Amino acid sequence: MRILNASGCLDALTAPDVARSLDAFVSKTVTPLPREGNAPVRIAETDVGMLNSIGLANPGRDAFVAEALPRLRALGVPVWISVGGFAAHEYAETCAALDDVTIELNLSCPNVEEAADTAAAIVAACRALTNLPLYAKLSPANSDIAEVARAVQGAGADGLSLVNTMRGTALDEETLEPRLGTWSGGLSGPALKPVALAAVYACWRATRMPIVGMGGVMTGRDALELVAVGAQDVALGTVLFRDPEAPQRVRAELAAEVAALGVADVDDVHGVAHEGGLSARLSLTR
């Protein structure tokens, strides 16, 4: 099992040591043209997590490929590139400009308008222009996320990233006005964990695809539970803002959780929630 960062939750070039403590680094979402992002305020803390309304701020595809990507490669860890756009051809053209990376297709950002094309059409367009690994990042707000997972699998996706944030709002205590400049943003942190568990469970049951599970991972136990419902890898998000040593800590806590269960490796827990739990699997191996 690998530990990654969730896209947008770590600037590897300003915190290279944190990036090197991961098994792979995932970039912020790259769009064809530069984006300034949303108006401030862009981040607000809540009792159950964090709201962000960054709006996919990034330098654009050409500047990213020419300037940022070589510096990310120099960190010495595998690089994943989060790709965004507003039409299938925009995603595909960015994919075609990349090499020797894994691509995460951001099909689910709550801070921009939904892409006009379906998730499957975007994946198919990208698959036509690249042989690189494609992971589709899906929204937990979809009424049937398993159906979307099957659609992107059929269109050529190699894996899934589950889940992105969900839309939320926070009000100022005194003025009762929205605290974010866009009034709403993406909710991440502990409140998202049950949502992530449900999405990973549903999508792995429907597709058996490789899944990077994310959403509310604060401890090794959180990572373990995502693996149990079907995640092959786990990404850290909000926790990285307050604990830059989270990758090492979560890795150590996960090892302790696995040892306490009496199994040899975290892979022995993969998918056990679909099989009647750990005791049922262990009874089959004895």
Protein backbone atom coordinates (compact mmCIF):
# COMPACT_ATOMS: atom_id res chain seq x y z
CA MET A 1 0.00 0.00 0.00
CA ARG A 2 1.29 3.44 -0.96
CA ILE A 3 0.69 6.73 0.83
CA LEU A 4 0.15 9.75 -1.41
CA ASN A 5 -1.08 13.29 -0.86
CA ALA A 6 -4.47 14.45 -2.04
CA SER A 7 -4.17 16.93 -4.91
CA GLY A 8 -3.88 20.52 -3.71
CA CYS A 9 -2.98 19.62 -0.13
CA LEU A 10 0.80 19.89 -0.41
CA ASP A 11 3.18 22.20 -2.26
CA ALA A 12 6.10 19.87 -2.90
CA LEU A 13 8.40 22.67 -4.03
CA THR A 14 8.08 24.56 -0.75
CA ALA A 15 8.00 21.41 1.41
CA PRO A 16 10.25 18.95 -0.44
CA ASP A 17 11.04 16.85 2.62
CA VAL A 18 7.34 16.19 3.19
CA ALA A 19 6.92 15.24 -0.46
CA ARG A 20 9.85 12.84 -0.25
CA SER A 21 8.22 11.11 2.73
CA LEU A 22 5.34 10.06 0.43
CA ASP A 23 5.33 7.08 -1.91
CA ALA A 24 4.15 9.38 -4.71
CA PHE A 25 3.39 13.09 -5.03
CA VAL A 26 0.17 14.35 -6.63
CA SER A 27 0.26 17.84 -8.13
CA LYS A 28 -2.37 20.53 -7.91
CA THR A 29 -4.81 20.39 -10.81
CA VAL A 30 -3.37 21.68 -14.09
CA THR A 31 -5.68 23.33 -16.63
CA PRO A 32 -4.86 24.33 -20.22
CA LEU A 33 -4.79 28.07 -19.48
CA PRO A 34 -3.56 29.85 -16.33
CA ARG A 35 -6.19 30.42 -13.62
CA GLU A 36 -6.04 32.97 -10.85
CA GLY A 37 -8.61 31.03 -8.86
CA ASN A 38 -11.46 32.30 -6.76
CA ALA A 39 -11.68 35.54 -4.83
CA PRO A 40 -10.60 35.52 -1.17
CA VAL A 41 -11.41 34.28 1.40
CA ARG A 42 -10.42 30.84 0.08
CA ILE A 43 -10.04 28.70 3.22
CA ALA A 44 -12.18 28.43 6.35
CA GLU A 45 -11.85 26.02 9.25
CA THR A 46 -14.94 24.35 10.70
CA ASP A 47 -15.63 22.12 13.70
CA VAL A 48 -15.57 19.03 11.47
CA GLY A 49 -12.90 19.85 8.92
CA MET A 50 -11.89 22.52 6.45
CA LEU A 51 -13.59 24.35 3.59
CA ASN A 52 -11.58 25.47 0.58
CA SER A 53 -12.50 27.52 -2.45
CA ILE A 54 -9.22 27.75 -4.31
CA GLY A 55 -10.79 27.52 -7.76
CA LEU A 56 -8.04 25.50 -9.46
CA ALA A 57 -5.47 28.32 -9.34
CA ASN A 58 -2.49 27.20 -11.44
CA PRO A 59 0.00 28.56 -13.99
CA GLY A 60 -1.49 26.67 -16.93
CA ARG A 61 -0.33 23.64 -18.86
CA ASP A 62 2.59 25.12 -20.80
CA ALA A 63 4.22 26.82 -17.82
CA PHE A 64 3.65 23.79 -15.61
CA VAL A 65 5.26 21.35 -18.07
CA ALA A 66 8.18 23.66 -18.81
CA GLU A 67 8.94 24.93 -15.30
CA ALA A 68 7.25 23.06 -12.45
CA LEU A 69 7.29 19.49 -13.70
CA PRO A 70 11.11 19.21 -14.08
CA ARG A 71 11.49 20.45 -10.48
CA LEU A 72 8.95 17.91 -9.25
CA ARG A 73 10.79 15.10 -11.02
CA ALA A 74 13.99 16.18 -9.26
CA LEU A 75 12.43 15.34 -5.88
CA GLY A 76 13.04 11.67 -6.61
CA VAL A 77 9.51 10.37 -5.92
CA PRO A 78 6.97 9.16 -8.49
CA VAL A 79 4.86 12.04 -9.79
CA TRP A 80 1.12 12.05 -10.43
CA ILE A 81 -0.38 14.98 -12.34
CA SER A 82 -3.91 16.11 -11.62
CA VAL A 83 -5.48 17.22 -14.90
CA GLY A 84 -8.53 19.45 -15.20
CA GLY A 85 -10.52 21.23 -17.87
CA PHE A 86 -13.96 22.26 -19.03
CA ALA A 87 -14.33 19.95 -22.04
CA ALA A 88 -13.04 16.51 -22.97
CA HIS A 89 -10.55 17.81 -25.51
CA GLU A 90 -8.95 20.09 -22.91
CA TYR A 91 -8.27 17.14 -20.61
CA ALA A 92 -6.98 15.07 -23.52
CA GLU A 93 -4.62 17.74 -24.84
CA THR A 94 -3.00 18.10 -21.42
CA CYS A 95 -2.63 14.33 -21.11
CA ALA A 96 -0.94 14.24 -24.50
CA ALA A 97 1.65 16.78 -23.28
CA LEU A 98 2.74 14.57 -20.37
CA ASP A 99 5.10 11.61 -20.17
CA ASP A 100 6.44 9.28 -17.48
CA VAL A 101 3.77 10.19 -14.91
CA THR A 102 0.48 8.84 -13.63
CA ILE A 103 -2.48 11.03 -14.50
CA GLU A 104 -5.36 11.79 -12.16
CA LEU A 105 -8.32 13.20 -14.06
CA ASN A 106 -10.10 15.71 -11.82
CA LEU A 107 -13.72 15.07 -12.75
CA SER A 108 -15.15 16.31 -9.49
CA CYS A 109 -13.93 19.70 -8.26
CA PRO A 110 -16.78 21.50 -6.45
CA ASN A 111 -15.27 24.96 -6.93
CA VAL A 112 -15.69 25.19 -10.71
CA GLU A 113 -18.59 24.55 -13.04
CA GLU A 114 -19.13 20.92 -13.99
CA ALA A 115 -17.50 19.86 -17.26
CA ALA A 116 -20.06 19.67 -20.04
CA ASP A 117 -18.96 16.20 -21.13
CA THR A 118 -19.68 13.06 -19.16
CA ALA A 119 -16.95 11.44 -17.10
CA ALA A 120 -16.76 8.53 -19.52
CA ALA A 121 -16.36 10.81 -22.54
CA ILE A 122 -13.50 12.65 -20.85
CA VAL A 123 -11.72 9.41 -19.97
CA ALA A 124 -12.21 8.05 -23.50
CA ALA A 125 -10.80 11.21 -25.05
CA CYS A 126 -7.75 11.04 -22.80
CA ARG A 127 -7.21 7.34 -23.39
CA ALA A 128 -7.16 7.99 -27.14
CA LEU A 129 -4.18 10.32 -26.74
CA THR A 130 -2.10 8.67 -24.02
CA ASN A 131 -0.97 5.28 -22.79
CA LEU A 132 -0.10 6.65 -19.35
CA PRO A 133 -1.98 5.30 -16.32
CA LEU A 134 -5.28 7.15 -15.88
CA TYR A 135 -7.05 7.47 -12.54
CA ALA A 136 -10.49 9.10 -12.50
CA LYS A 137 -11.20 11.25 -9.43
CA LEU A 138 -14.93 11.12 -8.76
CA SER A 139 -17.34 13.20 -6.71
CA PRO A 140 -19.10 11.62 -3.72
CA ALA A 141 -22.06 13.89 -4.43
CA ASN A 142 -23.07 11.73 -7.39
CA SER A 143 -26.29 9.85 -6.71
CA ASP A 144 -24.78 6.59 -8.01
CA ILE A 145 -21.00 6.78 -7.85
CA ALA A 146 -20.67 3.07 -8.65
CA GLU A 147 -22.39 3.67 -11.99
CA VAL A 148 -19.89 6.42 -12.79
CA ALA A 149 -17.05 4.11 -11.77
CA ARG A 150 -18.27 1.42 -14.17
CA ALA A 151 -18.57 4.01 -16.94
CA VAL A 152 -15.02 5.31 -16.59
CA GLN A 153 -13.72 1.75 -16.33
CA GLY A 154 -15.39 0.95 -19.64
CA ALA A 155 -13.90 4.09 -21.17
CA GLY A 156 -10.35 3.06 -20.32
CA ALA A 157 -9.54 4.29 -16.82
CA ASP A 158 -6.93 2.25 -14.96
CA GLY A 159 -8.05 3.23 -11.47
CA LEU A 160 -10.12 5.53 -9.30
CA SER A 161 -9.35 8.29 -6.80
CA LEU A 162 -12.10 8.45 -4.16
CA VAL A 163 -13.21 10.93 -3.05
CA ASN A 164 -13.04 14.63 -3.73
CA THR A 165 -14.55 17.15 -1.35
CA MET A 166 -18.26 17.85 -0.88
CA ARG A 167 -19.81 21.28 -1.05
CA GLY A 168 -20.29 23.09 2.25
CA THR A 169 -20.75 26.54 3.75
CA ALA A 170 -19.54 28.20 6.97
CA LEU A 171 -20.88 31.45 8.43
CA ASP A 172 -19.06 34.16 10.32
CA GLU A 173 -19.97 34.01 14.01
CA GLU A 174 -20.69 37.74 14.30
CA THR A 175 -22.00 38.85 10.90
CA LEU A 176 -23.63 35.55 9.87
CA GLU A 177 -22.24 36.08 6.39
CA PRO A 178 -20.52 33.28 4.45
CA ARG A 179 -16.86 33.08 5.43
CA LEU A 180 -15.68 32.10 1.94
CA GLY A 181 -15.52 34.56 -0.92
CA THR A 182 -17.55 32.20 -3.09
CA TRP A 183 -19.96 31.50 -0.17
CA SER A 184 -19.38 27.75 -0.49
CA GLY A 185 -16.44 25.43 -1.00
CA GLY A 186 -15.17 21.89 -0.72
CA LEU A 187 -15.44 20.25 2.70
CA SER A 188 -12.52 18.00 3.66
CA GLY A 189 -11.29 16.49 6.90
CA PRO A 190 -12.82 14.07 9.42
CA ALA A 191 -16.43 14.69 8.35
CA LEU A 192 -15.63 13.24 4.94
CA LYS A 193 -14.41 9.85 6.16
CA PRO A 194 -17.77 7.99 6.30
CA VAL A 195 -18.58 9.37 2.84
CA ALA A 196 -15.23 8.15 1.50
CA LEU A 197 -15.71 4.70 3.04
CA ALA A 198 -19.12 4.36 1.39
CA ALA A 199 -17.82 5.48 -2.00
CA VAL A 200 -14.79 3.19 -1.96
CA TYR A 201 -16.92 0.27 -0.81
CA ALA A 202 -19.48 0.80 -3.59
CA CYS A 203 -16.93 1.36 -6.36
CA TRP A 204 -14.65 -1.54 -5.46
CA ARG A 205 -17.62 -3.88 -5.25
CA ALA A 206 -18.77 -2.67 -8.68
CA THR A 207 -15.44 -2.66 -10.53
CA ARG A 208 -12.57 -4.26 -8.53
CA MET A 209 -10.41 -1.45 -9.93
CA PRO A 210 -7.33 -0.11 -8.12
CA ILE A 211 -8.52 2.70 -5.85
CA VAL A 212 -6.70 5.50 -4.05
CA GLY A 213 -8.88 6.13 -1.00
CA MET A 214 -8.95 9.59 0.57
CA GLY A 215 -11.21 11.70 2.73
CA GLY A 216 -10.71 12.32 6.44
CA VAL A 217 -7.56 10.22 6.82
CA MET A 218 -5.99 11.47 10.04
CA THR A 219 -4.59 8.25 11.56
CA GLY A 220 -3.35 4.80 10.66
CA ARG A 221 -6.74 3.40 11.67
CA ASP A 222 -8.43 5.63 9.09
CA ALA A 223 -6.09 4.30 6.41
CA LEU A 224 -6.74 0.72 7.52
CA GLU A 225 -10.50 1.15 7.17
CA LEU A 226 -10.16 2.49 3.63
CA VAL A 227 -8.06 -0.53 2.72
CA ALA A 228 -10.67 -2.81 4.27
CA VAL A 229 -13.41 -1.43 2.01
CA GLY A 230 -11.28 -1.77 -1.11
CA ALA A 231 -8.65 0.97 -1.39
CA GLN A 232 -5.30 -0.24 -2.70
CA ASP A 233 -3.57 3.02 -1.76
CA VAL A 234 -4.41 5.92 0.56
CA ALA A 235 -3.97 9.69 0.21
CA LEU A 236 -3.59 12.27 2.96
CA GLY A 237 -5.28 15.64 2.61
CA THR A 238 -6.31 18.08 5.32
CA VAL A 239 -4.05 16.46 7.90
CA LEU A 240 -0.97 17.67 5.98
CA PHE A 241 -1.84 21.29 6.72
CA ARG A 242 -1.35 20.79 10.44
CA ASP A 243 1.01 17.81 10.61
CA PRO A 244 3.80 17.69 8.02
CA GLU A 245 5.04 14.47 9.60
CA ALA A 246 1.71 12.74 8.95
CA PRO A 247 3.05 10.38 6.25
CA GLN A 248 5.57 8.78 8.63
CA ARG A 249 3.15 8.83 11.55
CA VAL A 250 0.25 7.29 9.62
CA ARG A 251 2.58 4.66 8.18
CA ALA A 252 3.77 3.70 11.68
CA GLU A 253 0.25 3.72 13.12
CA LEU A 254 -0.97 1.55 10.25
CA ALA A 255 1.78 -0.99 10.92
CA ALA A 256 0.75 -1.08 14.58
CA GLU A 257 -2.92 -1.56 13.66
CA VAL A 258 -2.05 -4.43 11.33
CA ALA A 259 0.10 -6.11 14.00
CA ALA A 260 -2.69 -5.77 16.55
CA LEU A 261 -5.04 -7.58 14.19
CA GLY A 262 -2.64 -10.51 13.99
CA VAL A 263 -2.10 -10.37 10.22
CA ALA A 264 1.21 -10.24 8.42
CA ASP A 265 0.66 -7.30 6.10
CA VAL A 266 -1.84 -4.53 5.37
CA ASP A 267 -2.59 -6.24 2.04
CA ASP A 268 -4.12 -9.08 4.07
CA VAL A 269 -6.85 -6.63 5.10
CA HIS A 270 -7.63 -5.44 1.57
CA GLY A 271 -11.33 -5.79 0.83
CA VAL A 272 -12.20 -7.74 3.98
CA ALA A 273 -15.28 -5.58 4.55
CA HIS A 274 -16.78 -7.32 1.52
CA GLU A 275 -16.15 -10.80 2.92
CA GLY A 276 -17.80 -10.72 6.30
CA GLY A 277 -14.88 -8.98 7.98
CA LEU A 278 -11.41 -10.05 9.05
CA SER A 279 -12.50 -13.07 11.09
CA ALA A 280 -14.21 -14.58 8.06
CA ARG A 281 -11.11 -14.18 5.90
CA LEU A 282 -8.80 -15.58 8.55
CA SER A 283 -11.04 -18.64 8.96
CA LEU A 284 -10.62 -19.36 5.26
CA THR A 285 -6.84 -19.23 5.46
CA ARG A 286 -6.44 -21.49 8.46
